[in-house]
Protein backbone atom coordinates (compact mmCIF):
# COMPACT_ATOMS: atom_id res chain seq x y z
CA MET A 1 75.97 16.86 8.45
CA PRO A 2 75.49 13.08 8.46
CA ILE A 3 72.51 11.55 6.73
CA ASP A 4 70.14 9.36 8.77
CA PHE A 5 67.56 7.06 7.16
CA ASP A 6 65.84 3.76 7.84
CA CYS A 7 66.78 0.51 6.18
CA ALA A 8 64.17 -0.50 3.59
CA VAL A 9 64.39 -4.13 4.75
CA CYS A 10 64.79 -4.26 8.53
CA LYS A 11 63.97 -0.61 9.36
CA HIS A 12 67.28 -0.24 11.21
CA ARG A 13 68.48 3.34 11.52
CA ILE A 14 71.48 3.94 9.24
CA ARG A 15 73.84 6.94 9.42
CA VAL A 16 76.28 7.80 6.62
CA PRO A 17 78.57 10.83 6.19
CA ASP A 18 77.38 13.82 4.27
CA GLY A 19 78.08 13.80 0.54
CA ASN A 20 77.07 10.18 -0.07
CA GLU A 21 73.67 11.01 -1.56
CA GLY A 22 72.80 8.66 -4.42
CA LYS A 23 75.55 6.20 -3.52
CA ARG A 24 75.01 2.69 -2.22
CA THR A 25 75.63 1.54 1.34
CA LYS A 26 75.19 -1.64 3.34
CA CYS A 27 72.94 -1.97 6.36
CA PRO A 28 75.05 -2.95 9.37
CA LYS A 29 72.27 -5.17 10.69
CA CYS A 30 70.80 -7.08 7.75
CA HIS A 31 73.60 -6.30 5.26
CA ALA A 32 71.12 -5.22 2.62
CA ILE A 33 72.65 -2.93 -0.03
CA GLN A 34 70.51 0.10 -0.82
CA PRO A 35 70.95 3.66 -2.15
CA VAL A 36 71.52 6.58 0.20
CA PRO A 37 68.55 8.99 -0.12
CA SER A 38 69.11 12.68 -0.72
CA GLU A 39 67.83 15.42 1.57
CA ALA A 40 64.77 15.98 -0.67
CA ASP A 41 63.92 12.26 -0.58
CA GLU A 42 64.23 12.26 3.20
CA LEU A 43 61.81 15.22 3.51
CA LYS A 44 59.25 13.46 1.30
CA LEU A 45 59.59 10.37 3.44
CA LYS A 46 58.96 12.37 6.63
CA ASP A 47 55.90 14.04 5.12
CA SER A 48 54.45 10.71 4.11
CA LEU A 49 55.00 9.33 7.60
CA GLU A 50 53.23 12.30 9.18
CA GLU A 51 50.03 11.77 7.09
CA PRO A 52 47.59 9.42 8.90
CA ALA A 53 47.02 6.22 7.01
CA PRO A 54 43.40 5.26 6.33
CA PRO A 55 42.12 2.45 8.55
CA LYS A 56 42.46 -0.93 6.97
CA SER A 57 39.37 -3.05 6.84
CA SER A 58 39.71 -6.66 7.75
CA PRO A 59 38.26 -9.40 5.57
CA LEU A 60 35.58 -9.98 8.21
CA ASP A 61 34.47 -6.36 7.93
CA ASP A 62 34.03 -6.78 4.18
CA VAL A 63 32.00 -9.94 4.69
CA PHE A 64 29.67 -8.56 7.37
CA GLN A 65 29.39 -5.08 5.89
CA PRO A 66 25.67 -4.38 5.25
CA MET A 67 24.71 -4.36 1.61
CA SER A 68 23.47 -1.12 0.17
CA THR A 69 19.83 -1.18 -0.84
CA PRO A 70 17.97 1.26 -3.07
CA THR A 71 16.19 4.02 -1.26
CA GLU A 72 12.53 3.19 -1.03
CA ASN A 73 9.64 3.73 1.34
CA VAL A 74 9.53 0.36 3.12
CA SER A 75 7.42 -0.21 6.21
CA ARG A 76 9.39 -1.42 9.20
CA ASN A 77 6.32 -2.99 10.81
CA PRO A 78 6.72 -6.81 10.47
CA TYR A 79 3.00 -7.25 11.01
CA ALA A 80 1.94 -4.81 8.34
CA GLU A 81 -0.18 -6.18 5.51
CA GLU A 82 1.57 -6.72 2.25
CA SER A 83 0.68 -4.17 -0.38
CA SER A 84 -1.76 -5.52 -2.90
CA GLN A 85 -0.12 -3.48 -5.66
CA ALA A 86 2.79 -5.96 -5.74
CA HIS A 87 0.40 -8.61 -7.10
CA ASP A 88 -1.99 -6.41 -9.04
CA ASN A 89 -1.62 -4.74 -12.39
CA PRO A 90 1.71 -2.83 -12.34
CA TYR A 91 0.22 -0.23 -14.68
CA ALA A 92 -2.76 0.46 -12.40
CA ALA A 93 -3.11 3.79 -10.69
CA PRO A 94 -1.72 3.89 -7.14
CA GLN A 95 -4.20 3.33 -4.35
CA THR A 96 -5.02 6.51 -2.51
CA PRO A 97 -7.08 6.94 0.67
CA GLY A 98 -9.92 8.35 -1.44
CA ASN A 99 -9.92 5.31 -3.76
CA LEU A 100 -9.84 2.89 -0.84
CA ALA A 101 -12.73 4.67 0.87
CA ALA A 102 -14.77 4.55 -2.34
CA ALA A 103 -14.03 0.83 -2.79
CA ASN A 104 -15.02 0.04 0.79
CA SER A 105 -18.20 2.08 0.38
CA SER A 106 -19.16 0.17 -2.80
CA ARG A 107 -18.49 -3.16 -1.10
CA MET A 108 -20.61 -2.29 1.92
CA GLU A 109 -23.41 -1.11 -0.35
CA ALA A 110 -23.36 -4.43 -2.26
CA MET A 111 -23.45 -6.41 0.98
CA SER A 112 -26.38 -4.38 2.28
CA LYS A 113 -28.35 -4.98 -0.94
CA LEU A 114 -27.79 -8.75 -0.80
CA GLN A 115 -28.31 -9.12 2.94
CA THR A 116 -32.14 -9.38 2.94
CA PRO A 117 -32.55 -12.04 0.19
CA ILE A 118 -29.56 -14.02 1.49
CA LEU A 119 -30.77 -14.18 5.09
CA THR A 120 -34.32 -14.98 4.01
CA CYS A 121 -33.23 -17.81 1.72
CA LEU A 122 -30.86 -19.14 4.40
CA GLY A 123 -33.71 -19.31 6.89
CA LEU A 124 -36.04 -21.02 4.43
CA LEU A 125 -33.37 -23.55 3.43
CA ALA A 126 -32.72 -24.34 7.09
CA LEU A 127 -36.44 -24.88 7.65
CA GLY A 128 -36.51 -27.09 4.57
CA ILE A 129 -33.68 -29.22 5.96
CA VAL A 130 -35.51 -29.65 9.26
CA PHE A 131 -38.77 -30.47 7.42
CA ASN A 132 -37.07 -33.10 5.23
CA ILE A 133 -35.41 -34.77 8.22
CA ILE A 134 -38.71 -34.91 10.10
CA SER A 135 -40.44 -36.25 6.98
CA LEU A 136 -37.80 -38.98 6.61
CA ILE A 137 -38.22 -40.07 10.22
CA THR A 138 -42.00 -40.10 9.82
CA MET A 139 -41.79 -42.24 6.70
CA VAL A 140 -39.49 -44.76 8.39
CA ILE A 141 -41.82 -45.05 11.36
CA GLN A 142 -44.79 -45.46 9.04
CA VAL A 143 -43.14 -48.25 7.05
CA ASN A 144 -42.18 -50.11 10.20
CA GLY A 145 -45.66 -49.58 11.67
CA GLU A 146 -47.41 -51.06 8.66
CA GLY A 147 -45.50 -54.27 9.20
CA ALA A 148 -43.98 -54.38 5.75
CA GLN A 149 -41.39 -57.08 5.47
CA GLY A 150 -38.91 -58.39 2.99
CA ALA A 151 -37.91 -56.59 -0.16
CA ASN A 152 -40.79 -54.13 -0.10
CA SER A 153 -39.74 -52.51 3.17
CA VAL A 154 -36.10 -52.35 2.11
CA VAL A 155 -36.98 -50.70 -1.19
CA ALA A 156 -39.28 -48.22 0.51
CA LEU A 157 -36.74 -47.28 3.16
CA ALA A 158 -33.96 -46.97 0.56
CA THR A 159 -36.16 -44.76 -1.62
CA TYR A 160 -37.03 -42.45 1.23
CA ALA A 161 -33.43 -42.27 2.44
CA ILE A 162 -32.05 -41.45 -1.01
CA THR A 163 -34.77 -38.91 -1.81
CA PHE A 164 -34.70 -36.98 1.44
CA GLY A 165 -30.94 -37.40 1.86
CA PHE A 166 -30.31 -35.87 -1.57
CA ALA A 167 -32.69 -33.00 -0.77
CA VAL A 168 -30.98 -32.30 2.56
CA GLY A 169 -27.51 -32.42 0.99
CA LEU A 170 -28.57 -30.10 -1.82
CA GLN A 171 -30.09 -27.64 0.62
CA GLY A 172 -26.95 -27.76 2.77
CA PHE A 173 -24.85 -26.91 -0.28
CA GLY A 174 -27.22 -24.05 -1.02
CA CYS A 175 -26.69 -22.68 2.50
CA PHE A 176 -22.93 -22.81 1.91
CA GLY A 177 -23.30 -20.89 -1.36
CA LEU A 178 -25.44 -18.23 0.32
CA LEU A 179 -22.82 -17.80 3.05
CA GLN A 180 -20.25 -17.21 0.31
CA ALA A 181 -22.58 -14.63 -1.20
CA ARG A 182 -23.02 -12.90 2.15
CA ASP A 183 -19.25 -12.37 2.45
CA LEU A 184 -18.84 -11.57 -1.28
CA LYS A 185 -16.30 -14.38 -1.63
CA ASN A 186 -17.33 -16.59 -4.57
CA TYR A 187 -19.63 -15.39 -7.33
CA GLY A 188 -20.37 -18.85 -8.75
CA LEU A 189 -21.31 -20.34 -5.38
CA ALA A 190 -23.54 -17.32 -4.72
CA TRP A 191 -25.50 -18.14 -7.88
CA ALA A 192 -25.69 -21.80 -6.85
CA GLY A 193 -27.11 -20.85 -3.46
CA PHE A 194 -29.96 -18.79 -4.90
CA ILE A 195 -30.73 -21.38 -7.60
CA ILE A 196 -30.96 -24.18 -5.01
CA ALA A 197 -33.23 -22.00 -2.87
CA ALA A 198 -35.64 -21.82 -5.83
CA LEU A 199 -35.77 -25.61 -6.34
CA PRO A 200 -38.73 -27.61 -4.95
CA CYS A 201 -36.67 -29.46 -2.35
CA SER A 202 -39.26 -28.81 0.38
CA CYS A 203 -42.55 -27.07 0.93
CA CYS A 204 -40.65 -23.86 1.73
CA PHE A 205 -39.67 -23.33 -1.92
CA VAL A 206 -43.03 -21.61 -2.55
CA VAL A 207 -41.86 -18.72 -0.36
CA SER A 208 -38.18 -18.87 -1.29
CA LEU A 209 -38.79 -18.88 -5.06
CA PRO A 210 -39.56 -15.15 -5.51
CA ILE A 211 -36.90 -14.17 -2.98
CA SER A 212 -34.23 -16.25 -4.73
CA ILE A 213 -35.20 -14.65 -8.04
CA TRP A 214 -34.75 -11.26 -6.38
CA GLY A 215 -31.30 -12.32 -5.20
CA MET A 216 -30.31 -13.55 -8.68
CA MET A 217 -31.40 -10.23 -10.17
CA LEU A 218 -29.09 -8.47 -7.71
CA LEU A 219 -26.22 -10.81 -8.60
CA ALA A 220 -26.64 -9.92 -12.27
CA ASP A 221 -25.91 -6.28 -11.47
CA ASN A 222 -22.39 -5.39 -12.64
CA SER A 223 -21.78 -3.08 -9.68
CA ILE A 224 -22.40 -5.98 -7.28
CA GLN A 225 -20.57 -8.55 -9.39
CA ARG A 226 -17.36 -6.46 -9.29
CA GLN A 227 -17.32 -6.63 -5.48
CA PHE A 228 -16.87 -10.41 -5.37
CA ASN A 229 -13.37 -11.79 -4.75
CA GLY A 230 -13.72 -14.70 -7.15
């Protein structure tokens, strides 16, 4: 029975007489010299051809193949807030709903305690600003009405402007500090707001003095101090 096999170079079908296993023959097409396979080699070749070859991946598939990432619980919401644990102490206990509820409750309690002295001092500081502005206008009108001229009027007007202007600016800064205290944002500015409310910048300080002291006593409480962001 003749032996049929494919050329290893040009894949041309070659037929040789039986009994030439292991000998060399020449391909009639490409003239390549190669050994004649035996019957066992031919069966192995057929079995290998029948097995499906795995799909070859192109270089582009390797480039655009998604990278494997470690399995982790990542939120797919692009608008979700970033977890604060990434920036906090890595050794801190994980935040649980119970801990968050307790923290929110403590924060609300601190805000409710500070609300009365803060709003009262804010109102008194605002009244003090209005009073100082009216006083400055009255003084200017009075100096001009007296007919003062020359250096005396300039000195008087400059003195009134500097005095009342400084008082108004200081009271405005105190209002800013009290607003920071209301939102529990800045602990230092909260202290500054209550201290300025206790200063004699206007006639309203007589009322605001005990209330600002009350507010400073609340700020000194450790449970309230811990609720401030900075």
